Structure formats: structure tokens, C-alpha cells
C-alpha atoms as a PDB file:
ATOM      1  CA  UNK A   1     -19.840  10.661   4.309  1.00  0.00           C
ATOM      2  CA  UNK A   2     -18.532  10.020   7.690  1.00  0.00           C
ATOM      3  CA  UNK A   3     -15.086   9.080   8.231  1.00  0.00           C
ATOM      4  CA  UNK A   4     -16.578   5.744   9.466  1.00  0.00           C
ATOM      5  CA  UNK A   5     -18.399   5.348   6.822  1.00  0.00           C
ATOM      6  CA  UNK A   6     -15.175   5.969   4.581  1.00  0.00           C
ATOM      7  CA  UNK A   7     -13.412   3.285   6.620  1.00  0.00           C
ATOM      8  CA  UNK A   8     -15.895   0.645   6.218  1.00  0.00           C
ATOM      9  CA  UNK A   9     -16.260   1.370   2.236  1.00  0.00           C
ATOM     10  CA  UNK A  10     -12.113   1.115   2.348  1.00  0.00           C
ATOM     11  CA  UNK A  11     -12.127  -2.246   4.360  1.00  0.00           C
ATOM     12  CA  UNK A  12     -14.674  -3.409   2.195  1.00  0.00           C
ATOM     13  CA  UNK A  13     -13.073  -2.413  -1.130  1.00  0.00           C
ATOM     14  CA  UNK A  14      -9.460  -4.034   0.413  1.00  0.00           C
ATOM     15  CA  UNK A  15     -11.364  -6.995   1.228  1.00  0.00           C
ATOM     16  CA  UNK A  16     -12.997  -7.094  -2.245  1.00  0.00           C
ATOM     17  CA  UNK A  17      -9.683  -6.528  -3.993  1.00  0.00           C
ATOM     18  CA  UNK A  18      -7.810  -9.684  -2.118  1.00  0.00           C
ATOM     19  CA  UNK A  19     -10.744 -11.713  -2.488  1.00  0.00           C
ATOM     20  CA  UNK A  20     -10.207 -11.204  -6.207  1.00  0.00           C
ATOM     21  CA  UNK A  21      -6.306 -11.802  -6.268  1.00  0.00           C
ATOM     22  CA  UNK A  22      -5.585  -8.424  -7.078  1.00  0.00           C
ATOM     23  CA  UNK A  23      -2.903  -8.445  -3.973  1.00  0.00           C
ATOM     24  CA  UNK A  24      -0.376 -10.657  -6.010  1.00  0.00           C
ATOM     25  CA  UNK A  25       2.259  -8.255  -5.873  1.00  0.00           C
ATOM     26  CA  UNK A  26       5.035 -10.030  -4.283  1.00  0.00           C
ATOM     27  CA  UNK A  27       6.489 -12.091  -6.895  1.00  0.00           C
ATOM     28  CA  UNK A  28       9.366 -10.089  -8.609  1.00  0.00           C
ATOM     29  CA  UNK A  29       9.503 -10.411 -12.606  1.00  0.00           C
ATOM     30  CA  UNK A  30      11.864 -12.537 -13.708  1.00  0.00           C
ATOM     31  CA  UNK A  31      15.055 -12.019 -16.119  1.00  0.00           C
ATOM     32  CA  UNK A  32      12.998 -13.849 -18.846  1.00  0.00           C
ATOM     33  CA  UNK A  33       9.491 -12.142 -18.424  1.00  0.00           C
ATOM     34  CA  UNK A  34      11.392  -8.580 -18.162  1.00  0.00           C
ATOM     35  CA  UNK A  35      13.507  -9.478 -21.229  1.00  0.00           C
ATOM     36  CA  UNK A  36       9.966 -10.439 -22.935  1.00  0.00           C
ATOM     37  CA  UNK A  37       8.634  -7.163 -22.028  1.00  0.00           C
ATOM     38  CA  UNK A  38      11.512  -5.252 -23.168  1.00  0.00           C
ATOM     39  CA  UNK A  39      11.458  -7.007 -26.356  1.00  0.00           C
ATOM     40  CA  UNK A  40       7.525  -6.288 -26.696  1.00  0.00           C
ATOM     41  CA  UNK A  41       8.246  -2.535 -25.599  1.00  0.00           C
ATOM     42  CA  UNK A  42       6.800  -2.380 -21.972  1.00  0.00           C
ATOM     43  CA  UNK A  43       8.429  -0.293 -19.220  1.00  0.00           C
ATOM     44  CA  UNK A  44      11.027  -2.144 -16.813  1.00  0.00           C
ATOM     45  CA  UNK A  45       9.816  -2.278 -13.282  1.00  0.00           C
ATOM     46  CA  UNK A  46      12.395  -0.446 -11.856  1.00  0.00           C
ATOM     47  CA  UNK A  47      12.323   2.440 -14.918  1.00  0.00           C
ATOM     48  CA  UNK A  48      11.820   5.754 -13.544  1.00  0.00           C
ATOM     49  CA  UNK A  49       8.283   7.192 -14.554  1.00  0.00           C
ATOM     50  CA  UNK A  50       6.539  10.641 -14.806  1.00  0.00           C
ATOM     51  CA  UNK A  51       3.054  11.062 -12.738  1.00  0.00           C
ATOM     52  CA  UNK A  52       0.204  13.194 -14.058  1.00  0.00           C
ATOM     53  CA  UNK A  53       2.023  16.276 -12.037  1.00  0.00           C
ATOM     54  CA  UNK A  54       5.072  15.672 -13.590  1.00  0.00           C
ATOM     55  CA  UNK A  55       6.945  14.814 -10.051  1.00  0.00           C
ATOM     56  CA  UNK A  56       9.490  11.952 -11.051  1.00  0.00           C
ATOM     57  CA  UNK A  57       8.773   8.638  -9.628  1.00  0.00           C
ATOM     58  CA  UNK A  58      10.223   5.841  -9.101  1.00  0.00           C
ATOM     59  CA  UNK A  59       8.439   2.503  -9.666  1.00  0.00           C
ATOM     60  CA  UNK A  60       8.491   0.308  -6.741  1.00  0.00           C
ATOM     61  CA  UNK A  61       6.870  -3.164  -5.886  1.00  0.00           C
ATOM     62  CA  UNK A  62       4.063  -2.161  -3.326  1.00  0.00           C
ATOM     63  CA  UNK A  63       4.990  -4.835  -0.905  1.00  0.00           C
ATOM     64  CA  UNK A  64       8.400  -3.533  -0.740  1.00  0.00           C
ATOM     65  CA  UNK A  65       7.563  -0.151   0.170  1.00  0.00           C
ATOM     66  CA  UNK A  66       9.188   1.132   3.896  1.00  0.00           C
ATOM     67  CA  UNK A  67       7.707   3.618   6.003  1.00  0.00           C
ATOM     68  CA  UNK A  68       8.619   6.648   5.479  1.00  0.00           C
ATOM     69  CA  UNK A  69       7.681   6.259   1.433  1.00  0.00           C
ATOM     70  CA  UNK A  70       5.606   8.777  -0.068  1.00  0.00           C
ATOM     71  CA  UNK A  71       3.820   7.593  -3.154  1.00  0.00           C
ATOM     72  CA  UNK A  72       1.797   8.975  -6.092  1.00  0.00           C
ATOM     73  CA  UNK A  73      -1.729   7.853  -7.597  1.00  0.00           C
ATOM     74  CA  UNK A  74      -5.117   6.934  -6.278  1.00  0.00           C
ATOM     75  CA  UNK A  75      -5.269   5.606  -3.213  1.00  0.00           C
ATOM     76  CA  UNK A  76      -6.866   2.187  -4.764  1.00  0.00           C
ATOM     77  CA  UNK A  77      -3.762   1.522  -6.590  1.00  0.00           C
ATOM     78  CA  UNK A  78      -1.915   0.990  -3.118  1.00  0.00           C
ATOM     79  CA  UNK A  79      -4.267  -1.797  -1.433  1.00  0.00           C
ATOM     80  CA  UNK A  80      -4.464  -3.276  -4.852  1.00  0.00           C
ATOM     81  CA  UNK A  81      -1.397  -3.031  -6.857  1.00  0.00           C
ATOM     82  CA  UNK A  82       1.679  -4.774  -7.889  1.00  0.00           C
ATOM     83  CA  UNK A  83       3.591  -1.729  -8.452  1.00  0.00           C
ATOM     84  CA  UNK A  84       3.575   1.556  -6.896  1.00  0.00           C
ATOM     85  CA  UNK A  85       5.549   4.959  -7.586  1.00  0.00           C
ATOM     86  CA  UNK A  86       7.216   6.730  -4.928  1.00  0.00           C
ATOM     87  CA  UNK A  87       8.446  10.037  -4.863  1.00  0.00           C
ATOM     88  CA  UNK A  88      10.072  12.871  -2.572  1.00  0.00           C
ATOM     89  CA  UNK A  89       8.087  13.606   0.293  1.00  0.00           C
ATOM     90  CA  UNK A  90       8.745  17.304  -0.411  1.00  0.00           C
ATOM     91  CA  UNK A  91       6.736  16.991  -3.457  1.00  0.00           C
ATOM     92  CA  UNK A  92       3.030  16.331  -3.791  1.00  0.00           C
ATOM     93  CA  UNK A  93       2.286  13.045  -2.950  1.00  0.00           C
ATOM     94  CA  UNK A  94      -1.077  10.889  -2.232  1.00  0.00           C
ATOM     95  CA  UNK A  95       0.012   8.456   0.630  1.00  0.00           C
ATOM     96  CA  UNK A  96       2.984   7.704   3.269  1.00  0.00           C
ATOM     97  CA  UNK A  97       3.553   4.681   4.508  1.00  0.00           C
ATOM     98  CA  UNK A  98       3.189   4.885   8.285  1.00  0.00           C
ATOM     99  CA  UNK A  99       3.668   1.471   9.627  1.00  0.00           C
ATOM    100  CA  UNK A 100       4.523  -1.637   8.571  1.00  0.00           C
ATOM    101  CA  UNK A 101       2.498  -4.870  10.984  1.00  0.00           C
ATOM    102  CA  UNK A 102       3.752  -8.015  11.032  1.00  0.00           C
ATOM    103  CA  UNK A 103       0.552 -10.347  11.113  1.00  0.00           C
ATOM    104  CA  UNK A 104       0.857 -14.499  12.385  1.00  0.00           C
ATOM    105  CA  UNK A 105       3.820 -16.188  13.790  1.00  0.00           C
ATOM    106  CA  UNK A 106       6.311 -17.628  11.266  1.00  0.00           C
ATOM    107  CA  UNK A 107       4.565 -21.444  11.237  1.00  0.00           C
ATOM    108  CA  UNK A 108       1.348 -20.366  11.225  1.00  0.00           C
ATOM    109  CA  UNK A 109      -0.966 -21.892   7.870  1.00  0.00           C
ATOM    110  CA  UNK A 110      -2.294 -18.697   5.453  1.00  0.00           C
ATOM    111  CA  UNK A 111      -5.654 -17.788   7.366  1.00  0.00           C
ATOM    112  CA  UNK A 112      -7.788 -16.510   4.209  1.00  0.00           C
ATOM    113  CA  UNK A 113      -7.855 -13.358   2.455  1.00  0.00           C
ATOM    114  CA  UNK A 114     -10.538 -12.025   4.763  1.00  0.00           C
ATOM    115  CA  UNK A 115      -9.042 -12.747   8.305  1.00  0.00           C
ATOM    116  CA  UNK A 116      -5.442 -11.465   6.824  1.00  0.00           C
ATOM    117  CA  UNK A 117      -7.685  -7.996   5.224  1.00  0.00           C
ATOM    118  CA  UNK A 118      -9.444  -7.789   8.858  1.00  0.00           C
ATOM    119  CA  UNK A 119      -6.280  -8.348  10.991  1.00  0.00           C
ATOM    120  CA  UNK A 120      -4.218  -5.816   8.748  1.00  0.00           C
ATOM    121  CA  UNK A 121      -7.080  -3.406   9.231  1.00  0.00           C
ATOM    122  CA  UNK A 122      -6.946  -3.702  12.657  1.00  0.00           C
ATOM    123  CA  UNK A 123      -3.544  -3.051  13.168  1.00  0.00           C
ATOM    124  CA  UNK A 124      -2.894  -0.499  11.150  1.00  0.00           C
ATOM    125  CA  UNK A 125      -5.547   0.979  12.762  1.00  0.00           C
ATOM    126  CA  UNK A 126      -3.779   0.758  16.620  1.00  0.00           C
ATOM    127  CA  UNK A 127      -0.690   1.955  14.517  1.00  0.00           C
ATOM    128  CA  UNK A 128      -2.434   5.485  13.144  1.00  0.00           C
ATOM    129  CA  UNK A 129      -2.029   6.828  16.271  1.00  0.00           C
ATOM    130  CA  UNK A 130       1.168   6.541  17.272  1.00  0.00           C
ATOM    131  CA  UNK A 131       2.356   7.356  13.683  1.00  0.00           C
ATOM    132  CA  UNK A 132       0.323  10.070  13.183  1.00  0.00           C
ATOM    133  CA  UNK A 133       0.119  11.715  16.515  1.00  0.00           C
ATOM    134  CA  UNK A 134      -3.644  12.221  16.983  1.00  0.00           C
ATOM    135  CA  UNK A 135      -6.589   9.190  17.254  1.00  0.00           C
ATOM    136  CA  UNK A 136      -7.861   8.297  13.769  1.00  0.00           C
ATOM    137  CA  UNK A 137     -11.727   8.719  14.458  1.00  0.00           C
ATOM    138  CA  UNK A 138     -10.119  12.952  15.134  1.00  0.00           C
ATOM    139  CA  UNK A 139      -7.589  13.448  12.255  1.00  0.00           C
ATOM    140  CA  UNK A 140      -8.075  14.813   8.650  1.00  0.00           C
ATOM    141  CA  UNK A 141      -5.736  12.074   7.512  1.00  0.00           C
ATOM    142  CA  UNK A 142      -7.398   8.222   6.941  1.00  0.00           C
ATOM    143  CA  UNK A 143      -5.379   5.191   6.180  1.00  0.00           C
ATOM    144  CA  UNK A 144      -5.209   2.856   3.942  1.00  0.00           C
ATOM    145  CA  UNK A 145      -4.083  -1.106   4.280  1.00  0.00           C
ATOM    146  CA  UNK A 146      -2.130  -3.332   2.085  1.00  0.00           C
ATOM    147  CA  UNK A 147      -2.302  -6.517   3.360  1.00  0.00           C
ATOM    148  CA  UNK A 148       0.106  -9.298   2.297  1.00  0.00           C
ATOM    149  CA  UNK A 149      -1.359 -12.323  -0.568  1.00  0.00           C
ATOM    150  CA  UNK A 150      -1.258 -15.788   0.103  1.00  0.00           C
ATOM    151  CA  UNK A 151       2.144 -15.965  -1.907  1.00  0.00           C
ATOM    152  CA  UNK A 152       3.860 -13.597   0.798  1.00  0.00           C
ATOM    153  CA  UNK A 153       2.598 -15.590   3.560  1.00  0.00           C
ATOM    154  CA  UNK A 154       4.175 -18.610   2.438  1.00  0.00           C
ATOM    155  CA  UNK A 155       7.181 -17.222   1.372  1.00  0.00           C
ATOM    156  CA  UNK A 156       7.235 -15.711   4.975  1.00  0.00           C
ATOM    157  CA  UNK A 157       6.675 -11.720   4.184  1.00  0.00           C
ATOM    158  CA  UNK A 158       3.541 -11.249   6.662  1.00  0.00           C
ATOM    159  CA  UNK A 159       3.843  -7.679   7.279  1.00  0.00           C
ATOM    160  CA  UNK A 160       0.792  -5.259   5.805  1.00  0.00           C
ATOM    161  CA  UNK A 161       1.783  -1.665   4.729  1.00  0.00           C
ATOM    162  CA  UNK A 162      -0.350   0.967   6.412  1.00  0.00           C
ATOM    163  CA  UNK A 163      -0.174   4.256   4.434  1.00  0.00           C
ATOM    164  CA  UNK A 164      -2.069   7.455   5.230  1.00  0.00           C
ATOM    165  CA  UNK A 165      -3.556  10.178   3.154  1.00  0.00           C
ATOM    166  CA  UNK A 166      -5.785  12.985   3.367  1.00  0.00           C
ATOM    167  CA  UNK A 167      -9.438  12.552   4.413  1.00  0.00           C
ATOM    168  CA  UNK A 168     -10.231  15.521   1.896  1.00  0.00           C
ATOM    169  CA  UNK A 169      -8.347  14.069  -0.553  1.00  0.00           C
ATOM    170  CA  UNK A 170      -6.304  16.906  -0.904  1.00  0.00           C
ATOM    171  CA  UNK A 171      -2.248  15.772  -1.396  1.00  0.00           C
ATOM    172  CA  UNK A 172       0.198  15.498   1.324  1.00  0.00           C
ATOM    173  CA  UNK A 173       2.817  18.220   0.859  1.00  0.00           C
ATOM    174  CA  UNK A 174       5.628  17.426   3.527  1.00  0.00           C
ATOM    175  CA  UNK A 175       6.804  14.425   5.570  1.00  0.00           C
ATOM    176  CA  UNK A 176       4.186  13.445   8.129  1.00  0.00           C
ATOM    177  CA  UNK A 177       6.640  13.038  10.429  1.00  0.00           C
END
């Protein structure tokens, strides 16, 4: 599959996940829901987890990741998940957050999932070269996007997260920058 075809598939998967409501990650669990989960044997969100590669990871809200954060898990877990696993960038990882891009103004109404996903993809493509140091079309890296949800938008959190990954699917083994 060509890089352009992979990008189109990625945009369509992201748009489909957003349309299905999978990106509703913004609200943190309430104290009562965390207590209920703990009482039922569920893991607390901030508890350390162990990945399949036995790298110690910290579970964090996907929408609260920052530039430079390195993450493990499949790329679709970033585009549609509420939580992701953050690891040290010196260990093998699948994704690295390379940019946060603000979408819309503070008084802008929610434009809809499709328009937000498209704007986030365009903004991440523009940010890719500056973050990675080479044009996307010539790179061995690709990117995925986590766009803000309607809840994020109404709460004033309008930054999309852009994360780089190896086009080959191989893990990254060091920080990108």
C-alpha cells in the first residue's frame, strides 16, 4: 500500500471512529466511578500497567498527552481510545506525540466530527515536517491524529494531538527529537 493510500485509510478510520463516538475521552472518571470500578475489581486509570513487551507504562488520558510523549499500543488505540499507555522514549514504542495543533477559536461553535477530523489531519500534516525534519511524502514515518471530541470542544480543549509512527509498523526505539 502506498503512503498516500495509507494516509487516506488513516483519515477514514479516524473519521469513522469519531463519527462512532469513540473519541469521548475528555471527561476524567469521577471519584464515585473510580471507587465503583475499584470495588468491582477494575484498575484505577493512573495505575501503572505492563504492556505485551513488558515495558512499564503509565496509563494516561489520550487527550492529555503532550509533545514528546511516547506511547505503546496499536495506532488505532490512539485515534479512538480514551486512555493510552505512556512509556520512556528510550524503550521501544509505537507512537510519539509530535505536535499539538489548536483548532478553531474560543467562541467557535462545534463544526461537527467530520470537519474537525479533516481540519486536524490538515494541521498535523502541516506540523509533520517541522516536527520530524522531512516532508511526510518522503519520510519513513507516518502520523495519526487524535481530534478533540464535542465534549472537549465545549470545554474549550480544542487541540488535536499528532503522533508519528514508523510506516513499516516497526517500533520506534529512541525519541524522534
